[in-house]
Amino acid sequence: MKHAITSKKAYHETMVAVYDLMNKGEANLTAKELKDLAAMAKAAEEYEDNVLGLKPAKEPQTITELLEQKMYENKMTQAKLADTLGLGKSKLSEILSGKRKPDVPFLKAVYKELKVDPAFLLDHV
């Protein structure tokens, strides 16, 4: 199902519908409701990026830039990010500074804990 948002009113109505479905809980949604939710969320994201101007001015070009963006978005310190990823603070610091290459356990943690697209991670190793 394609969902289009063409006005602020339609955006607001879409968001209300999204929140209503989310409040039901994923396990309680039908297959049709899940498809509708996905379509509405995609349309809302496109509207926010293209009309409301919420898209980041610059897309991350490196894993370091991506991690810095995630830390900013989630109001995380580097120490908190290390804890979240299950890494030592020094290892994360070395990766962020470029002194150490990301290894497989690091990439898996970023993928699982921060929900980062694995294709981005593999393309930027």
PDB file of N, CA and C in Angstrom:
ATOM      1  N   MET A   1       0.844  -1.184   0.000  1.00  0.00           N
ATOM      2  CA  MET A   1       0.000   0.000   0.000  1.00  0.00           C
ATOM      3  C   MET A   1       0.881   1.236   0.000  1.00  0.00           C
ATOM      4  N   LYS A   2       0.637   2.135  -0.913  1.00  0.00           N
ATOM      5  CA  LYS A   2       1.355   3.402  -0.990  1.00  0.00           C
ATOM      6  C   LYS A   2       0.554   4.432  -0.219  1.00  0.00           C
ATOM      7  N   HIS A   3       1.220   5.174   0.627  1.00  0.00           N
ATOM      8  CA  HIS A   3       0.567   6.197   1.430  1.00  0.00           C
ATOM      9  C   HIS A   3       1.236   7.523   1.090  1.00  0.00           C
ATOM     10  N   ALA A   4       0.446   8.506   0.717  1.00  0.00           N
ATOM     11  CA  ALA A   4       0.995   9.810   0.358  1.00  0.00           C
ATOM     12  C   ALA A   4       0.528  10.869   1.349  1.00  0.00           C
ATOM     13  N   ILE A   5       1.445  11.751   1.716  1.00  0.00           N
ATOM     14  CA  ILE A   5       1.121  12.861   2.602  1.00  0.00           C
ATOM     15  C   ILE A   5       1.364  14.139   1.813  1.00  0.00           C
ATOM     16  N   THR A   6       0.311  14.937   1.673  1.00  0.00           N
ATOM     17  CA  THR A   6       0.420  16.132   0.842  1.00  0.00           C
ATOM     18  C   THR A   6       0.201  17.432   1.602  1.00  0.00           C
ATOM     19  N   SER A   7      -0.076  17.342   2.900  1.00  0.00           N
ATOM     20  CA  SER A   7      -0.307  18.564   3.688  1.00  0.00           C
ATOM     21  C   SER A   7       0.042  18.310   5.149  1.00  0.00           C
ATOM     22  N   LYS A   8       0.148  19.399   5.908  1.00  0.00           N
ATOM     23  CA  LYS A   8       0.417  19.249   7.337  1.00  0.00           C
ATOM     24  C   LYS A   8      -0.727  18.519   8.030  1.00  0.00           C
ATOM     25  N   LYS A   9      -1.949  18.775   7.572  1.00  0.00           N
ATOM     26  CA  LYS A   9      -3.106  18.100   8.165  1.00  0.00           C
ATOM     27  C   LYS A   9      -3.018  16.590   7.909  1.00  0.00           C
ATOM     28  N   ALA A  10      -2.679  16.207   6.681  1.00  0.00           N
ATOM     29  CA  ALA A  10      -2.545  14.790   6.355  1.00  0.00           C
ATOM     30  C   ALA A  10      -1.395  14.163   7.143  1.00  0.00           C
ATOM     31  N   TYR A  11      -0.323  14.935   7.339  1.00  0.00           N
ATOM     32  CA  TYR A  11       0.806  14.452   8.143  1.00  0.00           C
ATOM     33  C   TYR A  11       0.348  14.187   9.579  1.00  0.00           C
ATOM     34  N   HIS A  12      -0.365  15.137  10.145  1.00  0.00           N
ATOM     35  CA  HIS A  12      -0.859  14.986  11.518  1.00  0.00           C
ATOM     36  C   HIS A  12      -1.781  13.766  11.630  1.00  0.00           C
ATOM     37  N   GLU A  13      -2.693  13.616  10.689  1.00  0.00           N
ATOM     38  CA  GLU A  13      -3.613  12.473  10.713  1.00  0.00           C
ATOM     39  C   GLU A  13      -2.848  11.151  10.592  1.00  0.00           C
ATOM     40  N   THR A  14      -1.830  11.146   9.744  1.00  0.00           N
ATOM     41  CA  THR A  14      -1.012   9.952   9.577  1.00  0.00           C
ATOM     42  C   THR A  14      -0.296   9.607  10.877  1.00  0.00           C
ATOM     43  N   MET A  15       0.273  10.613  11.533  1.00  0.00           N
ATOM     44  CA  MET A  15       0.995  10.362  12.774  1.00  0.00           C
ATOM     45  C   MET A  15       0.061   9.853  13.870  1.00  0.00           C
ATOM     46  N   VAL A  16      -1.151  10.379  13.924  1.00  0.00           N
ATOM     47  CA  VAL A  16      -2.125   9.885  14.899  1.00  0.00           C
ATOM     48  C   VAL A  16      -2.417   8.403  14.636  1.00  0.00           C
ATOM     49  N   ALA A  17      -2.596   8.060  13.368  1.00  0.00           N
ATOM     50  CA  ALA A  17      -2.863   6.666  13.005  1.00  0.00           C
ATOM     51  C   ALA A  17      -1.663   5.773  13.342  1.00  0.00           C
ATOM     52  N   VAL A  18      -0.461   6.271  13.099  1.00  0.00           N
ATOM     53  CA  VAL A  18       0.751   5.518  13.422  1.00  0.00           C
ATOM     54  C   VAL A  18       0.824   5.253  14.925  1.00  0.00           C
ATOM     55  N   TYR A  19       0.602   6.291  15.718  1.00  0.00           N
ATOM     56  CA  TYR A  19       0.661   6.128  17.182  1.00  0.00           C
ATOM     57  C   TYR A  19      -0.424   5.176  17.677  1.00  0.00           C
ATOM     58  N   ASP A  20      -1.608   5.248  17.082  1.00  0.00           N
ATOM     59  CA  ASP A  20      -2.686   4.333  17.478  1.00  0.00           C
ATOM     60  C   ASP A  20      -2.281   2.878  17.230  1.00  0.00           C
ATOM     61  N   LEU A  21      -1.697   2.625  16.064  1.00  0.00           N
ATOM     62  CA  LEU A  21      -1.266   1.267  15.750  1.00  0.00           C
ATOM     63  C   LEU A  21      -0.110   0.833  16.654  1.00  0.00           C
ATOM     64  N   MET A  22       0.823   1.735  16.897  1.00  0.00           N
ATOM     65  CA  MET A  22       1.961   1.392  17.747  1.00  0.00           C
ATOM     66  C   MET A  22       1.511   1.096  19.176  1.00  0.00           C
ATOM     67  N   ASN A  23       0.514   1.803  19.646  1.00  0.00           N
ATOM     68  CA  ASN A  23       0.020   1.581  21.003  1.00  0.00           C
ATOM     69  C   ASN A  23      -0.661   0.226  21.158  1.00  0.00           C
ATOM     70  N   LYS A  24      -1.130  -0.344  20.054  1.00  0.00           N
ATOM     71  CA  LYS A  24      -1.736  -1.680  20.117  1.00  0.00           C
ATOM     72  C   LYS A  24      -0.686  -2.749  20.385  1.00  0.00           C
ATOM     73  N   GLY A  25       0.539  -2.466  20.006  1.00  0.00           N
ATOM     74  CA  GLY A  25       1.616  -3.440  20.159  1.00  0.00           C
ATOM     75  C   GLY A  25       1.766  -4.267  18.900  1.00  0.00           C
ATOM     76  N   GLU A  26       2.996  -4.470  18.503  1.00  0.00           N
ATOM     77  CA  GLU A  26       3.272  -5.176  17.246  1.00  0.00           C
ATOM     78  C   GLU A  26       2.657  -6.569  17.229  1.00  0.00           C
ATOM     79  N   ALA A  27       2.690  -7.248  18.347  1.00  0.00           N
ATOM     80  CA  ALA A  27       2.165  -8.615  18.407  1.00  0.00           C
ATOM     81  C   ALA A  27       0.657  -8.659  18.204  1.00  0.00           C
ATOM     82  N   ASN A  28      -0.021  -7.536  18.426  1.00  0.00           N
ATOM     83  CA  ASN A  28      -1.478  -7.490  18.312  1.00  0.00           C
ATOM     84  C   ASN A  28      -1.968  -6.953  16.972  1.00  0.00           C
ATOM     85  N   LEU A  29      -1.063  -6.676  16.055  1.00  0.00           N
ATOM     86  CA  LEU A  29      -1.450  -6.129  14.757  1.00  0.00           C
ATOM     87  C   LEU A  29      -1.636  -7.238  13.731  1.00  0.00           C
ATOM     88  N   THR A  30      -2.598  -7.016  12.840  1.00  0.00           N
ATOM     89  CA  THR A  30      -2.803  -7.951  11.733  1.00  0.00           C
ATOM     90  C   THR A  30      -1.741  -7.696  10.671  1.00  0.00           C
ATOM     91  N   ALA A  31      -1.635  -8.588   9.721  1.00  0.00           N
ATOM     92  CA  ALA A  31      -0.673  -8.411   8.632  1.00  0.00           C
ATOM     93  C   ALA A  31      -0.978  -7.137   7.848  1.00  0.00           C
ATOM     94  N   LYS A  32      -2.254  -6.850   7.625  1.00  0.00           N
ATOM     95  CA  LYS A  32      -2.632  -5.630   6.908  1.00  0.00           C
ATOM     96  C   LYS A  32      -2.249  -4.388   7.704  1.00  0.00           C
ATOM     97  N   GLU A  33      -2.473  -4.424   9.016  1.00  0.00           N
ATOM     98  CA  GLU A  33      -2.111  -3.280   9.852  1.00  0.00           C
ATOM     99  C   GLU A  33      -0.596  -3.058   9.858  1.00  0.00           C
ATOM    100  N   LEU A  34       0.174  -4.140   9.857  1.00  0.00           N
ATOM    101  CA  LEU A  34       1.632  -4.011   9.804  1.00  0.00           C
ATOM    102  C   LEU A  34       2.082  -3.380   8.490  1.00  0.00           C
ATOM    103  N   LYS A  35       1.469  -3.804   7.384  1.00  0.00           N
ATOM    104  CA  LYS A  35       1.799  -3.205   6.082  1.00  0.00           C
ATOM    105  C   LYS A  35       1.411  -1.736   6.049  1.00  0.00           C
ATOM    106  N   ASP A  36       0.224  -1.422   6.577  1.00  0.00           N
ATOM    107  CA  ASP A  36      -0.226  -0.031   6.627  1.00  0.00           C
ATOM    108  C   ASP A  36       0.713   0.816   7.473  1.00  0.00           C
ATOM    109  N   LEU A  37       1.113   0.281   8.614  1.00  0.00           N
ATOM    110  CA  LEU A  37       2.022   1.001   9.503  1.00  0.00           C
ATOM    111  C   LEU A  37       3.342   1.288   8.806  1.00  0.00           C
ATOM    112  N   ALA A  38       3.889   0.307   8.124  1.00  0.00           N
ATOM    113  CA  ALA A  38       5.150   0.495   7.407  1.00  0.00           C
ATOM    114  C   ALA A  38       5.013   1.559   6.319  1.00  0.00           C
ATOM    115  N   ALA A  39       3.915   1.524   5.579  1.00  0.00           N
ATOM    116  CA  ALA A  39       3.691   2.510   4.514  1.00  0.00           C
ATOM    117  C   ALA A  39       3.525   3.915   5.091  1.00  0.00           C
ATOM    118  N   MET A  40       2.780   4.024   6.186  1.00  0.00           N
ATOM    119  CA  MET A  40       2.576   5.342   6.804  1.00  0.00           C
ATOM    120  C   MET A  40       3.878   5.891   7.382  1.00  0.00           C
ATOM    121  N   ALA A  41       4.677   5.023   8.003  1.00  0.00           N
ATOM    122  CA  ALA A  41       5.946   5.467   8.579  1.00  0.00           C
ATOM    123  C   ALA A  41       6.893   5.946   7.479  1.00  0.00           C
ATOM    124  N   LYS A  42       6.934   5.216   6.362  1.00  0.00           N
ATOM    125  CA  LYS A  42       7.791   5.619   5.233  1.00  0.00           C
ATOM    126  C   LYS A  42       7.338   6.958   4.659  1.00  0.00           C
ATOM    127  N   ALA A  43       6.032   7.122   4.496  1.00  0.00           N
ATOM    128  CA  ALA A  43       5.500   8.384   3.971  1.00  0.00           C
ATOM    129  C   ALA A  43       5.784   9.533   4.929  1.00  0.00           C
ATOM    130  N   ALA A  44       5.642   9.285   6.225  1.00  0.00           N
ATOM    131  CA  ALA A  44       5.908  10.333   7.219  1.00  0.00           C
ATOM    132  C   ALA A  44       7.376  10.728   7.192  1.00  0.00           C
ATOM    133  N   GLU A  45       8.253   9.748   7.071  1.00  0.00           N
ATOM    134  CA  GLU A  45       9.684  10.055   7.017  1.00  0.00           C
ATOM    135  C   GLU A  45      10.014  10.887   5.778  1.00  0.00           C
ATOM    136  N   GLU A  46       9.445  10.529   4.645  1.00  0.00           N
ATOM    137  CA  GLU A  46       9.677  11.295   3.416  1.00  0.00           C
ATOM    138  C   GLU A  46       9.156  12.720   3.559  1.00  0.00           C
ATOM    139  N   TYR A  47       7.979  12.874   4.151  1.00  0.00           N
ATOM    140  CA  TYR A  47       7.406  14.211   4.354  1.00  0.00           C
ATOM    141  C   TYR A  47       8.292  15.027   5.296  1.00  0.00           C
ATOM    142  N   GLU A  48       8.755  14.389   6.369  1.00  0.00           N
ATOM    143  CA  GLU A  48       9.623  15.099   7.321  1.00  0.00           C
ATOM    144  C   GLU A  48      10.928  15.518   6.666  1.00  0.00           C
ATOM    145  N   ASP A  49      11.505  14.638   5.857  1.00  0.00           N
ATOM    146  CA  ASP A  49      12.767  14.950   5.200  1.00  0.00           C
ATOM    147  C   ASP A  49      12.609  16.027   4.140  1.00  0.00           C
ATOM    148  N   ASN A  50      11.599  15.884   3.285  1.00  0.00           N
ATOM    149  CA  ASN A  50      11.487  16.739   2.110  1.00  0.00           C
ATOM    150  C   ASN A  50      10.687  18.016   2.318  1.00  0.00           C
ATOM    151  N   VAL A  51       9.693  18.000   3.189  1.00  0.00           N
ATOM    152  CA  VAL A  51       8.844  19.178   3.379  1.00  0.00           C
ATOM    153  C   VAL A  51       9.196  19.919   4.667  1.00  0.00           C
ATOM    154  N   LEU A  52       9.337  19.179   5.751  1.00  0.00           N
ATOM    155  CA  LEU A  52       9.617  19.820   7.040  1.00  0.00           C
ATOM    156  C   LEU A  52      11.101  20.115   7.234  1.00  0.00           C
ATOM    157  N   GLY A  53      11.934  19.575   6.369  1.00  0.00           N
ATOM    158  CA  GLY A  53      13.366  19.859   6.439  1.00  0.00           C
ATOM    159  C   GLY A  53      14.068  19.214   7.623  1.00  0.00           C
ATOM    160  N   LEU A  54      13.625  18.040   8.027  1.00  0.00           N
ATOM    161  CA  LEU A  54      14.233  17.368   9.176  1.00  0.00           C
ATOM    162  C   LEU A  54      15.353  16.419   8.791  1.00  0.00           C
ATOM    163  N   LYS A  55      15.601  16.295   7.505  1.00  0.00           N
ATOM    164  CA  LYS A  55      16.675  15.410   7.036  1.00  0.00           C
ATOM    165  C   LYS A  55      18.013  16.026   7.432  1.00  0.00           C
ATOM    166  N   PRO A  56      18.947  15.198   7.888  1.00  0.00           N
ATOM    167  CA  PRO A  56      20.255  15.746   8.237  1.00  0.00           C
ATOM    168  C   PRO A  56      20.861  16.486   7.051  1.00  0.00           C
ATOM    169  N   ALA A  57      21.521  17.589   7.337  1.00  0.00           N
ATOM    170  CA  ALA A  57      22.119  18.396   6.280  1.00  0.00           C
ATOM    171  C   ALA A  57      23.171  17.601   5.520  1.00  0.00           C
ATOM    172  N   LYS A  58      23.848  16.720   6.220  1.00  0.00           N
ATOM    173  CA  LYS A  58      24.900  15.927   5.594  1.00  0.00           C
ATOM    174  C   LYS A  58      24.766  14.490   6.071  1.00  0.00           C
ATOM    175  N   GLU A  59      24.679  13.599   5.141  1.00  0.00           N
ATOM    176  CA  GLU A  59      24.629  12.181   5.478  1.00  0.00           C
ATOM    177  C   GLU A  59      26.021  11.729   5.906  1.00  0.00           C
ATOM    178  N   PRO A  60      26.108  10.845   6.893  1.00  0.00           N
ATOM    179  CA  PRO A  60      27.424  10.357   7.318  1.00  0.00           C
ATOM    180  C   PRO A  60      28.153   9.654   6.173  1.00  0.00           C
ATOM    181  N   GLN A  61      29.447   9.904   6.084  1.00  0.00           N
ATOM    182  CA  GLN A  61      30.263   9.301   5.031  1.00  0.00           C
ATOM    183  C   GLN A  61      31.210   8.246   5.571  1.00  0.00           C
ATOM    184  N   THR A  62      31.335   8.178   6.898  1.00  0.00           N
ATOM    185  CA  THR A  62      32.220   7.198   7.523  1.00  0.00           C
ATOM    186  C   THR A  62      31.505   6.598   8.733  1.00  0.00           C
ATOM    187  N   ILE A  63      32.039   5.500   9.221  1.00  0.00           N
ATOM    188  CA  ILE A  63      31.472   4.892  10.423  1.00  0.00           C
ATOM    189  C   ILE A  63      31.620   5.841  11.603  1.00  0.00           C
ATOM    190  N   THR A  64      32.733   6.559  11.664  1.00  0.00           N
ATOM    191  CA  THR A  64      32.933   7.531  12.748  1.00  0.00           C
ATOM    192  C   THR A  64      31.869   8.613  12.709  1.00  0.00           C
ATOM    193  N   GLU A  65      31.603   9.161  11.524  1.00  0.00           N
ATOM    194  CA  GLU A  65      30.557  10.195  11.404  1.00  0.00           C
ATOM    195  C   GLU A  65      29.198   9.636  11.793  1.00  0.00           C
ATOM    196  N   LEU A  66      28.928   8.403  11.394  1.00  0.00           N
ATOM    197  CA  LEU A  66      27.659   7.772  11.745  1.00  0.00           C
ATOM    198  C   LEU A  66      27.527   7.632  13.261  1.00  0.00           C
ATOM    199  N   LEU A  67      28.589   7.169  13.921  1.00  0.00           N
ATOM    200  CA  LEU A  67      28.552   7.002  15.369  1.00  0.00           C
ATOM    201  C   LEU A  67      28.408   8.342  16.084  1.00  0.00           C
ATOM    202  N   GLU A  68      29.078   9.365  15.578  1.00  0.00           N
ATOM    203  CA  GLU A  68      28.930  10.697  16.170  1.00  0.00           C
ATOM    204  C   GLU A  68      27.491  11.194  16.033  1.00  0.00           C
ATOM    205  N   GLN A  69      26.881  10.929  14.877  1.00  0.00           N
ATOM    206  CA  GLN A  69      25.486  11.312  14.673  1.00  0.00           C
ATOM    207  C   GLN A  69      24.585  10.550  15.644  1.00  0.00           C
ATOM    208  N   LYS A  70      24.802   9.247  15.793  1.00  0.00           N
ATOM    209  CA  LYS A  70      23.996   8.441  16.715  1.00  0.00           C
ATOM    210  C   LYS A  70      24.161   8.923  18.159  1.00  0.00           C
ATOM    211  N   MET A  71      25.391   9.269  18.541  1.00  0.00           N
ATOM    212  CA  MET A  71      25.614   9.775  19.897  1.00  0.00           C
ATOM    213  C   MET A  71      24.856  11.081  20.099  1.00  0.00           C
ATOM    214  N   TYR A  72      24.890  11.953  19.102  1.00  0.00           N
ATOM    215  CA  TYR A  72      24.176  13.229  19.197  1.00  0.00           C
ATOM    216  C   TYR A  72      22.666  13.001  19.278  1.00  0.00           C
ATOM    217  N   GLU A  73      22.134  12.167  18.388  1.00  0.00           N
ATOM    218  CA  GLU A  73      20.694  11.907  18.352  1.00  0.00           C
ATOM    219  C   GLU A  73      20.185  11.298  19.658  1.00  0.00           C
ATOM    220  N   ASN A  74      21.000  10.435  20.260  1.00  0.00           N
ATOM    221  CA  ASN A  74      20.588   9.721  21.470  1.00  0.00           C
ATOM    222  C   ASN A  74      21.139  10.353  22.750  1.00  0.00           C
ATOM    223  N   LYS A  75      21.767  11.531  22.601  1.00  0.00           N
ATOM    224  CA  LYS A  75      22.333  12.249  23.748  1.00  0.00           C
ATOM    225  C   LYS A  75      23.241  11.334  24.568  1.00  0.00           C
ATOM    226  N   MET A  76      24.161  10.682  23.855  1.00  0.00           N
ATOM    227  CA  MET A  76      25.084   9.727  24.477  1.00  0.00           C
ATOM    228  C   MET A  76      26.485  10.302  24.545  1.00  0.00           C
ATOM    229  N   THR A  77      27.162   9.981  25.607  1.00  0.00           N
ATOM    230  CA  THR A  77      28.589  10.257  25.667  1.00  0.00           C
ATOM    231  C   THR A  77      29.306   9.087  25.010  1.00  0.00           C
ATOM    232  N   GLN A  78      30.587   9.269  24.772  1.00  0.00           N
ATOM    233  CA  GLN A  78      31.373   8.180  24.192  1.00  0.00           C
ATOM    234  C   GLN A  78      31.406   7.000  25.163  1.00  0.00           C
ATOM    235  N   ALA A  79      31.477   7.280  26.458  1.00  0.00           N
ATOM    236  CA  ALA A  79      31.483   6.213  27.468  1.00  0.00           C
ATOM    237  C   ALA A  79      30.167   5.437  27.445  1.00  0.00           C
ATOM    238  N   LYS A  80      29.049   6.142  27.323  1.00  0.00           N
ATOM    239  CA  LYS A  80      27.740   5.489  27.272  1.00  0.00           C
ATOM    240  C   LYS A  80      27.627   4.633  26.010  1.00  0.00           C
ATOM    241  N   LEU A  81      28.128   5.145  24.890  1.00  0.00           N
ATOM    242  CA  LEU A  81      28.105   4.368  23.646  1.00  0.00           C
ATOM    243  C   LEU A  81      28.940   3.092  23.808  1.00  0.00           C
ATOM    244  N   ALA A  82      30.103   3.200  24.417  1.00  0.00           N
ATOM    245  CA  ALA A  82      30.944   2.019  24.641  1.00  0.00           C
ATOM    246  C   ALA A  82      30.187   0.989  25.476  1.00  0.00           C
ATOM    247  N   ASP A  83      29.510   1.435  26.527  1.00  0.00           N
ATOM    248  CA  ASP A  83      28.720   0.518  27.358  1.00  0.00           C
ATOM    249  C   ASP A  83      27.597  -0.120  26.555  1.00  0.00           C
ATOM    250  N   THR A  84      26.903   0.680  25.756  1.00  0.00           N
ATOM    251  CA  THR A  84      25.797   0.185  24.941  1.00  0.00           C
ATOM    252  C   THR A  84      26.272  -0.891  23.966  1.00  0.00           C
ATOM    253  N   LEU A  85      27.441  -0.678  23.390  1.00  0.00           N
ATOM    254  CA  LEU A  85      27.986  -1.620  22.413  1.00  0.00           C
ATOM    255  C   LEU A  85      28.717  -2.787  23.069  1.00  0.00           C
ATOM    256  N   GLY A  86      28.906  -2.709  24.387  1.00  0.00           N
ATOM    257  CA  GLY A  86      29.626  -3.770  25.087  1.00  0.00           C
ATOM    258  C   GLY A  86      31.112  -3.760  24.781  1.00  0.00           C
ATOM    259  N   LEU A  87      31.664  -2.564  24.590  1.00  0.00           N
ATOM    260  CA  LEU A  87      33.083  -2.411  24.259  1.00  0.00           C
ATOM    261  C   LEU A  87      33.804  -1.691  25.388  1.00  0.00           C
ATOM    262  N   GLY A  88      35.108  -1.849  25.387  1.00  0.00           N
ATOM    263  CA  GLY A  88      35.923  -1.042  26.279  1.00  0.00           C
ATOM    264  C   GLY A  88      35.981   0.384  25.752  1.00  0.00           C
ATOM    265  N   LYS A  89      36.066   1.316  26.652  1.00  0.00           N
ATOM    266  CA  LYS A  89      36.111   2.729  26.260  1.00  0.00           C
ATOM    267  C   LYS A  89      37.335   3.034  25.397  1.00  0.00           C
ATOM    268  N   SER A  90      38.450   2.413  25.715  1.00  0.00           N
ATOM    269  CA  SER A  90      39.664   2.676  24.938  1.00  0.00           C
ATOM    270  C   SER A  90      39.542   2.127  23.514  1.00  0.00           C
ATOM    271  N   LYS A  91      38.924   0.950  23.369  1.00  0.00           N
ATOM    272  CA  LYS A  91      38.749   0.382  22.029  1.00  0.00           C
ATOM    273  C   LYS A  91      37.872   1.298  21.177  1.00  0.00           C
ATOM    274  N   LEU A  92      36.755   1.769  21.742  1.00  0.00           N
ATOM    275  CA  LEU A  92      35.879   2.667  20.991  1.00  0.00           C
ATOM    276  C   LEU A  92      36.615   3.956  20.638  1.00  0.00           C
ATOM    277  N   SER A  93      37.362   4.496  21.581  1.00  0.00           N
ATOM    278  CA  SER A  93      38.115   5.720  21.333  1.00  0.00           C
ATOM    279  C   SER A  93      39.107   5.529  20.183  1.00  0.00           C
ATOM    280  N   GLU A  94      39.782   4.393  20.163  1.00  0.00           N
ATOM    281  CA  GLU A  94      40.749   4.123  19.096  1.00  0.00           C
ATOM    282  C   GLU A  94      40.062   3.984  17.743  1.00  0.00           C
ATOM    283  N   ILE A  95      38.899   3.359  17.721  1.00  0.00           N
ATOM    284  CA  ILE A  95      38.163   3.220  16.458  1.00  0.00           C
ATOM    285  C   ILE A  95      37.694   4.578  15.971  1.00  0.00           C
ATOM    286  N   LEU A  96      37.136   5.387  16.887  1.00  0.00           N
ATOM    287  CA  LEU A  96      36.638   6.704  16.493  1.00  0.00           C
ATOM    288  C   LEU A  96      37.754   7.629  16.021  1.00  0.00           C
ATOM    289  N   SER A  97      38.938   7.477  16.584  1.00  0.00           N
ATOM    290  CA  SER A  97      40.055   8.344  16.197  1.00  0.00           C
ATOM    291  C   SER A  97      40.805   7.828  14.971  1.00  0.00           C
ATOM    292  N   GLY A  98      40.458   6.623  14.503  1.00  0.00           N
ATOM    293  CA  GLY A  98      41.109   6.068  13.327  1.00  0.00           C
ATOM    294  C   GLY A  98      42.387   5.308  13.624  1.00  0.00           C
ATOM    295  N   LYS A  99      42.728   5.144  14.898  1.00  0.00           N
ATOM    296  CA  LYS A  99      43.937   4.421  15.273  1.00  0.00           C
ATOM    297  C   LYS A  99      43.755   2.907  15.169  1.00  0.00           C
ATOM    298  N   ARG A 100      42.488   2.495  15.120  1.00  0.00           N
ATOM    299  CA  ARG A 100      42.180   1.063  15.075  1.00  0.00           C
ATOM    300  C   ARG A 100      41.066   0.838  14.070  1.00  0.00           C
ATOM    301  N   LYS A 101      41.174  -0.232  13.301  1.00  0.00           N
ATOM    302  CA  LYS A 101      40.128  -0.579  12.329  1.00  0.00           C
ATOM    303  C   LYS A 101      38.977  -1.273  13.044  1.00  0.00           C
ATOM    304  N   PRO A 102      37.736  -1.024  12.602  1.00  0.00           N
ATOM    305  CA  PRO A 102      36.597  -1.743  13.181  1.00  0.00           C
ATOM    306  C   PRO A 102      36.721  -3.239  12.910  1.00  0.00           C
ATOM    307  N   ASP A 103      36.455  -4.047  13.937  1.00  0.00           N
ATOM    308  CA  ASP A 103      36.493  -5.488  13.762  1.00  0.00           C
ATOM    309  C   ASP A 103      35.056  -6.033  13.719  1.00  0.00           C
ATOM    310  N   VAL A 104      34.929  -7.323  13.465  1.00  0.00           N
ATOM    311  CA  VAL A 104      33.612  -7.938  13.307  1.00  0.00           C
ATOM    312  C   VAL A 104      32.744  -7.786  14.564  1.00  0.00           C
ATOM    313  N   PRO A 105      33.262  -8.052  15.771  1.00  0.00           N
ATOM    314  CA  PRO A 105      32.415  -7.874  16.961  1.00  0.00           C
ATOM    315  C   PRO A 105      31.906  -6.426  17.110  1.00  0.00           C
ATOM    316  N   PHE A 106      32.752  -5.460  16.780  1.00  0.00           N
ATOM    317  CA  PHE A 106      32.348  -4.059  16.833  1.00  0.00           C
ATOM    318  C   PHE A 106      31.220  -3.798  15.836  1.00  0.00           C
ATOM    319  N   LEU A 107      31.397  -4.249  14.600  1.00  0.00           N
ATOM    320  CA  LEU A 107      30.387  -4.027  13.562  1.00  0.00           C
ATOM    321  C   LEU A 107      29.064  -4.699  13.922  1.00  0.00           C
ATOM    322  N   LYS A 108      29.140  -5.909  14.483  1.00  0.00           N
ATOM    323  CA  LYS A 108      27.925  -6.610  14.898  1.00  0.00           C
ATOM    324  C   LYS A 108      27.209  -5.844  16.004  1.00  0.00           C
ATOM    325  N   ALA A 109      27.966  -5.303  16.945  1.00  0.00           N
ATOM    326  CA  ALA A 109      27.364  -4.539  18.045  1.00  0.00           C
ATOM    327  C   ALA A 109      26.696  -3.271  17.519  1.00  0.00           C
ATOM    328  N   VAL A 110      27.341  -2.574  16.587  1.00  0.00           N
ATOM    329  CA  VAL A 110      26.753  -1.358  16.008  1.00  0.00           C
ATOM    330  C   VAL A 110      25.466  -1.703  15.274  1.00  0.00           C
ATOM    331  N   TYR A 111      25.496  -2.799  14.523  1.00  0.00           N
ATOM    332  CA  TYR A 111      24.310  -3.250  13.801  1.00  0.00           C
ATOM    333  C   TYR A 111      23.171  -3.594  14.764  1.00  0.00           C
ATOM    334  N   LYS A 112      23.460  -4.401  15.767  1.00  0.00           N
ATOM    335  CA  LYS A 112      22.414  -4.877  16.669  1.00  0.00           C
ATOM    336  C   LYS A 112      21.912  -3.799  17.618  1.00  0.00           C
ATOM    337  N   GLU A 113      22.806  -3.048  18.220  1.00  0.00           N
ATOM    338  CA  GLU A 113      22.413  -2.104  19.270  1.00  0.00           C
ATOM    339  C   GLU A 113      21.929  -0.763  18.721  1.00  0.00           C
ATOM    340  N   LEU A 114      22.504  -0.326  17.605  1.00  0.00           N
ATOM    341  CA  LEU A 114      22.136   0.983  17.053  1.00  0.00           C
ATOM    342  C   LEU A 114      21.252   0.874  15.824  1.00  0.00           C
ATOM    343  N   LYS A 115      20.962  -0.359  15.400  1.00  0.00           N
ATOM    344  CA  LYS A 115      20.087  -0.613  14.239  1.00  0.00           C
ATOM    345  C   LYS A 115      20.614   0.077  12.979  1.00  0.00           C
ATOM    346  N   VAL A 116      21.912  -0.040  12.765  1.00  0.00           N
ATOM    347  CA  VAL A 116      22.546   0.572  11.598  1.00  0.00           C
ATOM    348  C   VAL A 116      22.474  -0.411  10.435  1.00  0.00           C
ATOM    349  N   ASP A 117      22.196   0.109   9.264  1.00  0.00           N
ATOM    350  CA  ASP A 117      22.119  -0.702   8.049  1.00  0.00           C
ATOM    351  C   ASP A 117      23.447  -1.440   7.842  1.00  0.00           C
ATOM    352  N   PRO A 118      23.405  -2.765   7.778  1.00  0.00           N
ATOM    353  CA  PRO A 118      24.658  -3.511   7.620  1.00  0.00           C
ATOM    354  C   PRO A 118      25.387  -3.179   6.313  1.00  0.00           C
ATOM    355  N   ALA A 119      24.647  -2.816   5.289  1.00  0.00           N
ATOM    356  CA  ALA A 119      25.295  -2.451   4.023  1.00  0.00           C
ATOM    357  C   ALA A 119      26.184  -1.220   4.215  1.00  0.00           C
ATOM    358  N   PHE A 120      25.718  -0.246   4.998  1.00  0.00           N
ATOM    359  CA  PHE A 120      26.529   0.941   5.272  1.00  0.00           C
ATOM    360  C   PHE A 120      27.823   0.528   5.972  1.00  0.00           C
ATOM    361  N   LEU A 121      27.694  -0.337   6.968  1.00  0.00           N
ATOM    362  CA  LEU A 121      28.872  -0.763   7.719  1.00  0.00           C
ATOM    363  C   LEU A 121      29.877  -1.477   6.824  1.00  0.00           C
ATOM    364  N   LEU A 122      29.392  -2.395   5.992  1.00  0.00           N
ATOM    365  CA  LEU A 122      30.304  -3.137   5.118  1.00  0.00           C
ATOM    366  C   LEU A 122      30.923  -2.255   4.049  1.00  0.00           C
ATOM    367  N   ASP A 123      30.172  -1.279   3.567  1.00  0.00           N
ATOM    368  CA  ASP A 123      30.702  -0.376   2.538  1.00  0.00           C
ATOM    369  C   ASP A 123      31.743   0.596   3.079  1.00  0.00           C
ATOM    370  N   HIS A 124      31.750   0.804   4.400  1.00  0.00           N
ATOM    371  CA  HIS A 124      32.624   1.828   4.974  1.00  0.00           C
ATOM    372  C   HIS A 124      33.709   1.279   5.902  1.00  0.00           C
ATOM    373  N   VAL A 125      33.950  -0.026   5.840  1.00  0.00           N
ATOM    374  CA  VAL A 125      34.983  -0.619   6.692  1.00  0.00           C
ATOM    375  C   VAL A 125      36.346  -0.284   6.114  1.00  0.00           C
TER     376      VAL A 125
END
